[in-house]
Amino acid sequence: MSDELLTTAEVGQMLKVAVTTLRQWRARHLGPPGFAVGGTVRYRKSAVERWLAEQEQAAAGGRVSA
């Protein structure tokens, strides 16, 4: 399976949030799932898109989740 790996900065640009926000979310186990590769955090593009869709569904259903 080929899935683009994104940096924290790229995900920040994609979601229009600061890199520090993504780091805080990761530390608190919120936000899109990321993982370390050689000491650097990466995010699968499909996982970020799935997380974003889940946030949209939660907002539409009246639930709020980070």
PDB file of N, CA and C in Angstrom:
ATOM      1  N   MET A   1       0.848  -1.180   0.000  1.00  0.00           N
ATOM      2  CA  MET A   1       0.000   0.000   0.000  1.00  0.00           C
ATOM      3  C   MET A   1       0.887   1.235   0.000  1.00  0.00           C
ATOM      4  N   SER A   2       0.670   2.114  -0.916  1.00  0.00           N
ATOM      5  CA  SER A   2       1.433   3.350  -1.002  1.00  0.00           C
ATOM      6  C   SER A   2       0.577   4.483  -0.454  1.00  0.00           C
ATOM      7  N   ASP A   3       1.097   5.170   0.574  1.00  0.00           N
ATOM      8  CA  ASP A   3       0.372   6.260   1.204  1.00  0.00           C
ATOM      9  C   ASP A   3       1.404   7.329   1.555  1.00  0.00           C
ATOM     10  N   GLU A   4       1.171   8.527   1.092  1.00  0.00           N
ATOM     11  CA  GLU A   4       2.120   9.615   1.300  1.00  0.00           C
ATOM     12  C   GLU A   4       2.314   9.896   2.787  1.00  0.00           C
ATOM     13  N   LEU A   5       3.578  10.049   3.181  1.00  0.00           N
ATOM     14  CA  LEU A   5       3.910  10.423   4.552  1.00  0.00           C
ATOM     15  C   LEU A   5       4.141  11.930   4.589  1.00  0.00           C
ATOM     16  N   LEU A   6       3.504  12.596   5.547  1.00  0.00           N
ATOM     17  CA  LEU A   6       3.592  14.038   5.677  1.00  0.00           C
ATOM     18  C   LEU A   6       4.365  14.418   6.931  1.00  0.00           C
ATOM     19  N   THR A   7       5.058  15.548   6.865  1.00  0.00           N
ATOM     20  CA  THR A   7       5.728  16.094   8.040  1.00  0.00           C
ATOM     21  C   THR A   7       4.714  16.844   8.896  1.00  0.00           C
ATOM     22  N   THR A   8       5.124  17.183  10.096  1.00  0.00           N
ATOM     23  CA  THR A   8       4.270  17.972  10.977  1.00  0.00           C
ATOM     24  C   THR A   8       3.945  19.315  10.325  1.00  0.00           C
ATOM     25  N   ALA A   9       4.929  19.928   9.689  1.00  0.00           N
ATOM     26  CA  ALA A   9       4.706  21.218   9.024  1.00  0.00           C
ATOM     27  C   ALA A   9       3.694  21.081   7.890  1.00  0.00           C
ATOM     28  N   GLU A  10       3.778  20.006   7.128  1.00  0.00           N
ATOM     29  CA  GLU A  10       2.831  19.798   6.017  1.00  0.00           C
ATOM     30  C   GLU A  10       1.416  19.580   6.536  1.00  0.00           C
ATOM     31  N   VAL A  11       1.282  18.829   7.621  1.00  0.00           N
ATOM     32  CA  VAL A  11      -0.052  18.614   8.197  1.00  0.00           C
ATOM     33  C   VAL A  11      -0.585  19.928   8.762  1.00  0.00           C
ATOM     34  N   GLY A  12       0.280  20.705   9.390  1.00  0.00           N
ATOM     35  CA  GLY A  12      -0.123  22.019   9.885  1.00  0.00           C
ATOM     36  C   GLY A  12      -0.660  22.896   8.769  1.00  0.00           C
ATOM     37  N   GLN A  13       0.024  22.901   7.640  1.00  0.00           N
ATOM     38  CA  GLN A  13      -0.435  23.679   6.483  1.00  0.00           C
ATOM     39  C   GLN A  13      -1.768  23.140   5.974  1.00  0.00           C
ATOM     40  N   MET A  14      -1.880  21.832   5.933  1.00  0.00           N
ATOM     41  CA  MET A  14      -3.099  21.195   5.428  1.00  0.00           C
ATOM     42  C   MET A  14      -4.305  21.548   6.301  1.00  0.00           C
ATOM     43  N   LEU A  15      -4.107  21.543   7.631  1.00  0.00           N
ATOM     44  CA  LEU A  15      -5.200  21.804   8.564  1.00  0.00           C
ATOM     45  C   LEU A  15      -5.305  23.275   8.968  1.00  0.00           C
ATOM     46  N   LYS A  16      -4.339  24.072   8.519  1.00  0.00           N
ATOM     47  CA  LYS A  16      -4.302  25.503   8.864  1.00  0.00           C
ATOM     48  C   LYS A  16      -4.177  25.711  10.375  1.00  0.00           C
ATOM     49  N   VAL A  17      -3.299  24.902  11.004  1.00  0.00           N
ATOM     50  CA  VAL A  17      -3.002  25.060  12.423  1.00  0.00           C
ATOM     51  C   VAL A  17      -1.487  25.127  12.594  1.00  0.00           C
ATOM     52  N   ALA A  18      -1.064  25.715  13.690  1.00  0.00           N
ATOM     53  CA  ALA A  18       0.365  25.850  13.973  1.00  0.00           C
ATOM     54  C   ALA A  18       0.982  24.485  14.304  1.00  0.00           C
ATOM     55  N   VAL A  19       2.254  24.360  13.985  1.00  0.00           N
ATOM     56  CA  VAL A  19       2.997  23.143  14.306  1.00  0.00           C
ATOM     57  C   VAL A  19       2.952  22.882  15.813  1.00  0.00           C
ATOM     58  N   THR A  20       3.030  23.932  16.610  1.00  0.00           N
ATOM     59  CA  THR A  20       2.970  23.756  18.067  1.00  0.00           C
ATOM     60  C   THR A  20       1.624  23.165  18.496  1.00  0.00           C
ATOM     61  N   THR A  21       0.558  23.532  17.810  1.00  0.00           N
ATOM     62  CA  THR A  21      -0.758  22.963  18.110  1.00  0.00           C
ATOM     63  C   THR A  21      -0.759  21.469  17.826  1.00  0.00           C
ATOM     64  N   LEU A  22      -0.216  21.075  16.687  1.00  0.00           N
ATOM     65  CA  LEU A  22      -0.144  19.648  16.358  1.00  0.00           C
ATOM     66  C   LEU A  22       0.696  18.901  17.382  1.00  0.00           C
ATOM     67  N   ARG A  23       1.785  19.483  17.820  1.00  0.00           N
ATOM     68  CA  ARG A  23       2.633  18.836  18.828  1.00  0.00           C
ATOM     69  C   ARG A  23       1.889  18.675  20.142  1.00  0.00           C
ATOM     70  N   GLN A  24       1.118  19.678  20.521  1.00  0.00           N
ATOM     71  CA  GLN A  24       0.319  19.590  21.746  1.00  0.00           C
ATOM     72  C   GLN A  24      -0.747  18.513  21.610  1.00  0.00           C
ATOM     73  N   TRP A  25      -1.424  18.475  20.467  1.00  0.00           N
ATOM     74  CA  TRP A  25      -2.432  17.451  20.233  1.00  0.00           C
ATOM     75  C   TRP A  25      -1.806  16.066  20.338  1.00  0.00           C
ATOM     76  N   ARG A  26      -0.632  15.892  19.735  1.00  0.00           N
ATOM     77  CA  ARG A  26       0.047  14.586  19.757  1.00  0.00           C
ATOM     78  C   ARG A  26       0.403  14.190  21.180  1.00  0.00           C
ATOM     79  N   ALA A  27       0.912  15.130  21.957  1.00  0.00           N
ATOM     80  CA  ALA A  27       1.291  14.845  23.343  1.00  0.00           C
ATOM     81  C   ALA A  27       0.079  14.456  24.183  1.00  0.00           C
ATOM     82  N   ARG A  28      -1.092  15.004  23.833  1.00  0.00           N
ATOM     83  CA  ARG A  28      -2.328  14.741  24.575  1.00  0.00           C
ATOM     84  C   ARG A  28      -3.175  13.649  23.917  1.00  0.00           C
ATOM     85  N   HIS A  29      -2.639  13.012  22.890  1.00  0.00           N
ATOM     86  CA  HIS A  29      -3.329  11.948  22.144  1.00  0.00           C
ATOM     87  C   HIS A  29      -4.630  12.454  21.512  1.00  0.00           C
ATOM     88  N   LEU A  30      -4.555  13.647  20.977  1.00  0.00           N
ATOM     89  CA  LEU A  30      -5.652  14.262  20.230  1.00  0.00           C
ATOM     90  C   LEU A  30      -5.154  14.486  18.809  1.00  0.00           C
ATOM     91  N   GLY A  31      -6.038  14.835  17.925  1.00  0.00           N
ATOM     92  CA  GLY A  31      -5.608  15.146  16.562  1.00  0.00           C
ATOM     93  C   GLY A  31      -5.330  13.908  15.751  1.00  0.00           C
ATOM     94  N   PRO A  32      -4.836  14.105  14.537  1.00  0.00           N
ATOM     95  CA  PRO A  32      -4.581  12.973  13.643  1.00  0.00           C
ATOM     96  C   PRO A  32      -3.448  12.102  14.184  1.00  0.00           C
ATOM     97  N   PRO A  33      -3.535  10.794  13.940  1.00  0.00           N
ATOM     98  CA  PRO A  33      -2.487   9.900  14.437  1.00  0.00           C
ATOM     99  C   PRO A  33      -1.177  10.087  13.676  1.00  0.00           C
ATOM    100  N   GLY A  34      -0.104  10.196  14.428  1.00  0.00           N
ATOM    101  CA  GLY A  34       1.228  10.302  13.842  1.00  0.00           C
ATOM    102  C   GLY A  34       2.120   9.259  14.474  1.00  0.00           C
ATOM    103  N   PHE A  35       3.282   9.064  13.904  1.00  0.00           N
ATOM    104  CA  PHE A  35       4.221   8.073  14.433  1.00  0.00           C
ATOM    105  C   PHE A  35       5.642   8.519  14.119  1.00  0.00           C
ATOM    106  N   ALA A  36       6.579   8.031  14.910  1.00  0.00           N
ATOM    107  CA  ALA A  36       7.981   8.413  14.744  1.00  0.00           C
ATOM    108  C   ALA A  36       8.658   7.506  13.726  1.00  0.00           C
ATOM    109  N   VAL A  37       9.424   8.135  12.855  1.00  0.00           N
ATOM    110  CA  VAL A  37      10.252   7.423  11.883  1.00  0.00           C
ATOM    111  C   VAL A  37      11.645   8.009  12.014  1.00  0.00           C
ATOM    112  N   GLY A  38      12.548   7.252  12.585  1.00  0.00           N
ATOM    113  CA  GLY A  38      13.911   7.746  12.753  1.00  0.00           C
ATOM    114  C   GLY A  38      13.980   9.020  13.591  1.00  0.00           C
ATOM    115  N   GLY A  39      13.133   9.121  14.587  1.00  0.00           N
ATOM    116  CA  GLY A  39      13.149  10.280  15.463  1.00  0.00           C
ATOM    117  C   GLY A  39      12.375  11.483  14.945  1.00  0.00           C
ATOM    118  N   THR A  40      11.703  11.333  13.806  1.00  0.00           N
ATOM    119  CA  THR A  40      10.912  12.416  13.225  1.00  0.00           C
ATOM    120  C   THR A  40       9.469  11.954  13.092  1.00  0.00           C
ATOM    121  N   VAL A  41       8.525  12.808  13.471  1.00  0.00           N
ATOM    122  CA  VAL A  41       7.112  12.440  13.401  1.00  0.00           C
ATOM    123  C   VAL A  41       6.608  12.570  11.969  1.00  0.00           C
ATOM    124  N   ARG A  42       5.884  11.556  11.554  1.00  0.00           N
ATOM    125  CA  ARG A  42       5.250  11.548  10.233  1.00  0.00           C
ATOM    126  C   ARG A  42       3.781  11.192  10.398  1.00  0.00           C
ATOM    127  N   TYR A  43       2.986  11.622   9.429  1.00  0.00           N
ATOM    128  CA  TYR A  43       1.556  11.355   9.410  1.00  0.00           C
ATOM    129  C   TYR A  43       1.207  10.780   8.042  1.00  0.00           C
ATOM    130  N   ARG A  44       0.413   9.719   8.035  1.00  0.00           N
ATOM    131  CA  ARG A  44      -0.088   9.213   6.749  1.00  0.00           C
ATOM    132  C   ARG A  44      -1.186  10.158   6.286  1.00  0.00           C
ATOM    133  N   LYS A  45      -1.107  10.563   5.038  1.00  0.00           N
ATOM    134  CA  LYS A  45      -2.091  11.497   4.491  1.00  0.00           C
ATOM    135  C   LYS A  45      -3.504  10.938   4.640  1.00  0.00           C
ATOM    136  N   SER A  46      -3.674   9.652   4.379  1.00  0.00           N
ATOM    137  CA  SER A  46      -5.004   9.042   4.485  1.00  0.00           C
ATOM    138  C   SER A  46      -5.525   9.105   5.921  1.00  0.00           C
ATOM    139  N   ALA A  47      -4.646   8.954   6.910  1.00  0.00           N
ATOM    140  CA  ALA A  47      -5.064   9.015   8.315  1.00  0.00           C
ATOM    141  C   ALA A  47      -5.488  10.429   8.696  1.00  0.00           C
ATOM    142  N   VAL A  48      -4.771  11.425   8.175  1.00  0.00           N
ATOM    143  CA  VAL A  48      -5.133  12.820   8.444  1.00  0.00           C
ATOM    144  C   VAL A  48      -6.491  13.126   7.818  1.00  0.00           C
ATOM    145  N   GLU A  49      -6.696  12.682   6.588  1.00  0.00           N
ATOM    146  CA  GLU A  49      -7.973  12.915   5.912  1.00  0.00           C
ATOM    147  C   GLU A  49      -9.117  12.201   6.635  1.00  0.00           C
ATOM    148  N   ARG A  50      -8.873  10.977   7.112  1.00  0.00           N
ATOM    149  CA  ARG A  50      -9.882  10.224   7.852  1.00  0.00           C
ATOM    150  C   ARG A  50     -10.223  10.940   9.167  1.00  0.00           C
ATOM    151  N   TRP A  51      -9.193  11.414   9.889  1.00  0.00           N
ATOM    152  CA  TRP A  51      -9.397  12.139  11.148  1.00  0.00           C
ATOM    153  C   TRP A  51     -10.220  13.403  10.896  1.00  0.00           C
ATOM    154  N   LEU A  52      -9.897  14.113   9.835  1.00  0.00           N
ATOM    155  CA  LEU A  52     -10.620  15.342   9.506  1.00  0.00           C
ATOM    156  C   LEU A  52     -12.092  15.035   9.194  1.00  0.00           C
ATOM    157  N   ALA A  53     -12.352  13.969   8.459  1.00  0.00           N
ATOM    158  CA  ALA A  53     -13.730  13.571   8.155  1.00  0.00           C
ATOM    159  C   ALA A  53     -14.483  13.200   9.431  1.00  0.00           C
ATOM    160  N   GLU A  54     -13.800  12.540  10.371  1.00  0.00           N
ATOM    161  CA  GLU A  54     -14.418  12.194  11.653  1.00  0.00           C
ATOM    162  C   GLU A  54     -14.783  13.453  12.435  1.00  0.00           C
ATOM    163  N   GLN A  55     -13.925  14.464  12.388  1.00  0.00           N
ATOM    164  CA  GLN A  55     -14.203  15.721  13.076  1.00  0.00           C
ATOM    165  C   GLN A  55     -15.420  16.400  12.465  1.00  0.00           C
ATOM    166  N   GLU A  56     -15.504  16.347  11.162  1.00  0.00           N
ATOM    167  CA  GLU A  56     -16.643  16.946  10.463  1.00  0.00           C
ATOM    168  C   GLU A  56     -17.944  16.235  10.827  1.00  0.00           C
ATOM    169  N   GLN A  57     -17.904  14.902  10.869  1.00  0.00           N
ATOM    170  CA  GLN A  57     -19.090  14.131  11.239  1.00  0.00           C
ATOM    171  C   GLN A  57     -19.495  14.427  12.677  1.00  0.00           C
ATOM    172  N   ALA A  58     -18.518  14.506  13.565  1.00  0.00           N
ATOM    173  CA  ALA A  58     -18.811  14.779  14.975  1.00  0.00           C
ATOM    174  C   ALA A  58     -19.455  16.151  15.124  1.00  0.00           C
ATOM    175  N   ALA A  59     -18.960  17.128  14.403  1.00  0.00           N
ATOM    176  CA  ALA A  59     -19.516  18.491  14.466  1.00  0.00           C
ATOM    177  C   ALA A  59     -20.936  18.504  13.909  1.00  0.00           C
ATOM    178  N   ALA A  60     -21.178  17.772  12.858  1.00  0.00           N
ATOM    179  CA  ALA A  60     -22.503  17.722  12.254  1.00  0.00           C
ATOM    180  C   ALA A  60     -23.495  17.025  13.166  1.00  0.00           C
ATOM    181  N   GLY A  61     -22.989  16.094  13.984  1.00  0.00           N
ATOM    182  CA  GLY A  61     -23.859  15.351  14.891  1.00  0.00           C
ATOM    183  C   GLY A  61     -24.025  16.041  16.236  1.00  0.00           C
ATOM    184  N   GLY A  62     -23.425  17.218  16.373  1.00  0.00           N
ATOM    185  CA  GLY A  62     -23.557  17.964  17.615  1.00  0.00           C
ATOM    186  C   GLY A  62     -22.544  17.575  18.675  1.00  0.00           C
ATOM    187  N   ARG A  63     -21.689  16.602  18.353  1.00  0.00           N
ATOM    188  CA  ARG A  63     -20.654  16.204  19.299  1.00  0.00           C
ATOM    189  C   ARG A  63     -19.389  16.977  18.978  1.00  0.00           C
ATOM    190  N   VAL A  64     -18.588  17.239  19.971  1.00  0.00           N
ATOM    191  CA  VAL A  64     -17.325  17.939  19.781  1.00  0.00           C
ATOM    192  C   VAL A  64     -16.216  17.042  20.271  1.00  0.00           C
ATOM    193  N   SER A  65     -15.228  16.810  19.421  1.00  0.00           N
ATOM    194  CA  SER A  65     -14.049  16.045  19.818  1.00  0.00           C
ATOM    195  C   SER A  65     -12.832  16.682  19.195  1.00  0.00           C
ATOM    196  N   ALA A  66     -11.705  16.516  19.826  1.00  0.00           N
ATOM    197  CA  ALA A  66     -10.463  17.122  19.329  1.00  0.00           C
ATOM    198  C   ALA A  66      -9.690  16.155  18.494  1.00  0.00           C
TER     199      ALA A  66
END
